Protein backbone atom coordinates (compact mmCIF):
# COMPACT_ATOMS: atom_id res chain seq x y z
CA UNK A 1 -10.68 -4.52 -36.97
CA UNK A 2 -8.72 -1.37 -36.01
CA UNK A 3 -11.78 -0.29 -34.00
CA UNK A 4 -11.55 -3.28 -31.71
CA UNK A 5 -7.81 -2.79 -31.14
CA UNK A 6 -8.40 0.85 -30.21
CA UNK A 7 -11.17 -0.17 -27.85
CA UNK A 8 -8.91 -2.76 -26.19
CA UNK A 9 -6.09 -0.24 -25.88
CA UNK A 10 -8.44 2.27 -24.35
CA UNK A 11 -9.97 -0.24 -21.97
CA UNK A 12 -6.62 -1.69 -20.72
CA UNK A 13 -6.00 0.91 -17.98
CA UNK A 14 -9.59 0.59 -16.71
CA UNK A 15 -9.42 -3.18 -16.67
CA UNK A 16 -6.06 -3.12 -14.92
CA UNK A 17 -7.39 -0.76 -12.24
CA UNK A 18 -10.44 -2.94 -11.72
CA UNK A 19 -8.24 -6.08 -11.32
CA UNK A 20 -5.98 -4.26 -8.85
CA UNK A 21 -9.02 -3.21 -6.87
CA UNK A 22 -10.46 -6.67 -6.87
CA UNK A 23 -7.13 -8.12 -5.74
CA UNK A 24 -6.75 -5.60 -2.97
CA UNK A 25 -10.25 -6.29 -1.73
CA UNK A 26 -9.62 -10.06 -1.43
CA UNK A 27 -6.45 -9.72 0.65
CA UNK A 28 -7.11 -10.38 4.28
CA UNK A 29 -4.50 -10.67 7.03
CA UNK A 30 -4.52 -13.74 9.28
CA UNK A 31 -6.58 -13.51 12.50
CA UNK A 32 -3.70 -13.53 14.90
CA UNK A 33 -5.87 -13.00 17.94
CA UNK A 34 -8.05 -15.95 17.03
CA UNK A 35 -4.93 -18.07 16.56
CA UNK A 36 -3.64 -17.05 19.94
CA UNK A 37 -7.02 -17.93 21.55
CA UNK A 38 -6.91 -21.35 19.92
CA UNK A 39 -3.33 -21.91 21.08
CA UNK A 40 -4.38 -21.02 24.67
CA UNK A 41 -7.15 -23.59 24.49
CA UNK A 42 -4.75 -26.13 23.19
CA UNK A 43 -2.29 -25.31 25.98
CA UNK A 44 -4.99 -25.95 28.54
CA UNK A 45 -5.49 -29.44 27.02
CA UNK A 46 -1.85 -30.44 27.37
CA UNK A 47 -1.42 -32.55 30.47
CA UNK A 48 0.36 -30.81 33.36
CA UNK A 49 2.98 -33.57 33.61
CA UNK A 50 4.33 -32.55 30.13
CA UNK A 51 6.10 -29.54 31.54
CA UNK A 52 8.72 -29.19 28.79
CA UNK A 53 6.11 -29.23 26.06
CA UNK A 54 3.90 -26.81 27.93
CA UNK A 55 6.79 -24.40 28.48
CA UNK A 56 7.83 -24.49 24.79
CA UNK A 57 4.25 -23.96 23.70
CA UNK A 58 3.77 -21.12 26.16
CA UNK A 59 6.97 -19.50 24.87
CA UNK A 60 5.57 -19.72 21.32
CA UNK A 61 2.34 -18.04 22.45
CA UNK A 62 4.32 -15.34 24.26
CA UNK A 63 6.33 -14.64 21.12
CA UNK A 64 3.06 -14.26 19.10
CA UNK A 65 1.68 -11.87 21.72
CA UNK A 66 4.90 -9.78 21.64
CA UNK A 67 4.77 -9.64 17.84
CA UNK A 68 1.12 -8.49 18.03
CA UNK A 69 2.06 -5.71 20.49
CA UNK A 70 4.97 -4.61 18.33
CA UNK A 71 2.77 -4.59 15.20
CA UNK A 72 0.29 -2.36 17.04
CA UNK A 73 3.05 0.08 17.98
CA UNK A 74 4.39 0.16 14.42
CA UNK A 75 0.84 0.74 13.08
CA UNK A 76 0.35 3.61 15.47
CA UNK A 77 3.68 5.21 14.28
CA UNK A 78 2.69 4.81 10.65
CA UNK A 79 -0.74 6.23 11.33
CA UNK A 80 0.89 9.25 13.06
CA UNK A 81 3.12 9.81 10.03
CA UNK A 82 0.14 9.56 7.68
CA UNK A 83 -1.86 12.05 9.75
CA UNK A 84 1.05 14.42 9.84
CA UNK A 85 0.93 14.70 6.04
CA UNK A 86 -0.03 18.35 5.35
CA UNK A 87 -0.35 17.94 1.67
CA UNK A 88 -3.07 16.07 0.04
CA UNK A 89 -3.11 12.34 -0.67
CA UNK A 90 -4.64 13.22 -3.98
CA UNK A 91 -1.35 14.74 -4.97
CA UNK A 92 0.29 11.33 -4.81
CA UNK A 93 -2.62 9.66 -6.64
CA UNK A 94 -2.54 12.33 -9.38
CA UNK A 95 1.19 11.81 -9.75
CA UNK A 96 0.93 8.03 -10.07
CA UNK A 97 -2.01 8.27 -12.50
CA UNK A 98 -0.26 10.93 -14.61
CA UNK A 99 2.88 8.78 -14.72
CA UNK A 100 0.92 5.69 -15.75
CA UNK A 101 -0.96 7.58 -18.42
CA UNK A 102 2.29 8.94 -19.77
CA UNK A 103 3.81 5.42 -19.96
CA UNK A 104 0.67 4.12 -21.70
CA UNK A 105 0.67 7.13 -24.07
CA UNK A 106 4.27 6.31 -24.99
CA UNK A 107 3.12 2.91 -26.29
CA UNK A 108 0.37 4.36 -28.45
CA UNK A 109 1.12 4.73 -32.14
CA UNK A 110 3.33 7.80 -32.63
CA UNK A 111 1.63 8.47 -35.96
CA UNK A 112 -1.54 9.67 -34.26
CA UNK A 113 -2.37 13.33 -34.67
CA UNK A 114 -1.37 15.45 -31.66
CA UNK A 115 0.65 12.55 -30.22
CA UNK A 116 3.69 14.71 -29.48
CA UNK A 117 1.65 17.57 -28.00
CA UNK A 118 -0.21 15.23 -25.63
CA UNK A 119 3.01 13.50 -24.65
CA UNK A 120 4.75 16.74 -23.82
CA UNK A 121 1.63 17.90 -21.90
CA UNK A 122 1.58 14.66 -19.92
CA UNK A 123 5.32 15.01 -19.08
CA UNK A 124 4.71 18.53 -17.79
CA UNK A 125 1.70 17.45 -15.76
CA UNK A 126 3.72 14.50 -14.29
CA UNK A 127 6.55 16.82 -13.25
CA UNK A 128 4.11 19.32 -11.70
CA UNK A 129 2.32 16.50 -9.81
CA UNK A 130 5.73 15.14 -8.69
CA UNK A 131 6.62 18.53 -7.26
CA UNK A 132 3.35 18.78 -5.25
CA UNK A 133 3.54 15.19 -4.09
CA UNK A 134 7.23 15.42 -3.13
CA UNK A 135 6.67 18.65 -1.23
CA UNK A 136 3.89 17.11 0.80
CA UNK A 137 5.78 13.83 1.37
CA UNK A 138 8.91 15.77 2.47
CA UNK A 139 6.79 17.73 4.97
CA UNK A 140 5.37 14.47 6.35
CA UNK A 141 8.74 12.84 6.68
CA UNK A 142 10.18 15.94 8.40
CA UNK A 143 7.28 16.02 10.82
CA UNK A 144 7.60 12.29 11.51
CA UNK A 145 11.37 12.51 12.21
CA UNK A 146 11.01 15.52 14.46
CA UNK A 147 7.86 14.47 16.35
CA UNK A 148 9.67 14.00 19.64
CA UNK A 149 11.70 17.18 19.53
CA UNK A 150 10.87 19.75 22.20
C-alpha cells in the first residue's frame, strides 16, 4: 500500500495543475456587445409614447457602452505594462513553481533520504527565482509608471 500513497502524492501537483488549466479554459466573460445589441433591439420595440421608460433604458445602455470603453482603455494600459516587461515571464512561472514544489516538499515525510538537502536546494532555487522575477517586475512597474515622462 505505501506504493499507492507515494503515487498519489507524486500525482497531486500534476492533477492540481490539470484541474486549474481545465477551470481556466472554461471561464468565459459575458458577451457585452451582444447584450448591448439586444438592448438596442428592445429599445426600438418600446413604444415612443413611453418616453420615461425609453429614457431610463437608453441611460442604462449608455452606461454599458461607457463601461465597455473604459474596460478597453484599462486593457490597453495593462497590455502596455505587460509588453514593457523586459524580464522573462518564465522567471515568474519558475518562481511560482519552485515555491509550490518547496511547499509540497515540506509536507513529504522528513524521514526520507536526502530530504534536508532537497529542501535547502529548493529554498535556494526559490530565492534565486524570486530575485530574477522581482527584478523584471520592478523594471516593468518602473517603465509603466514613467511611460508618459518626456
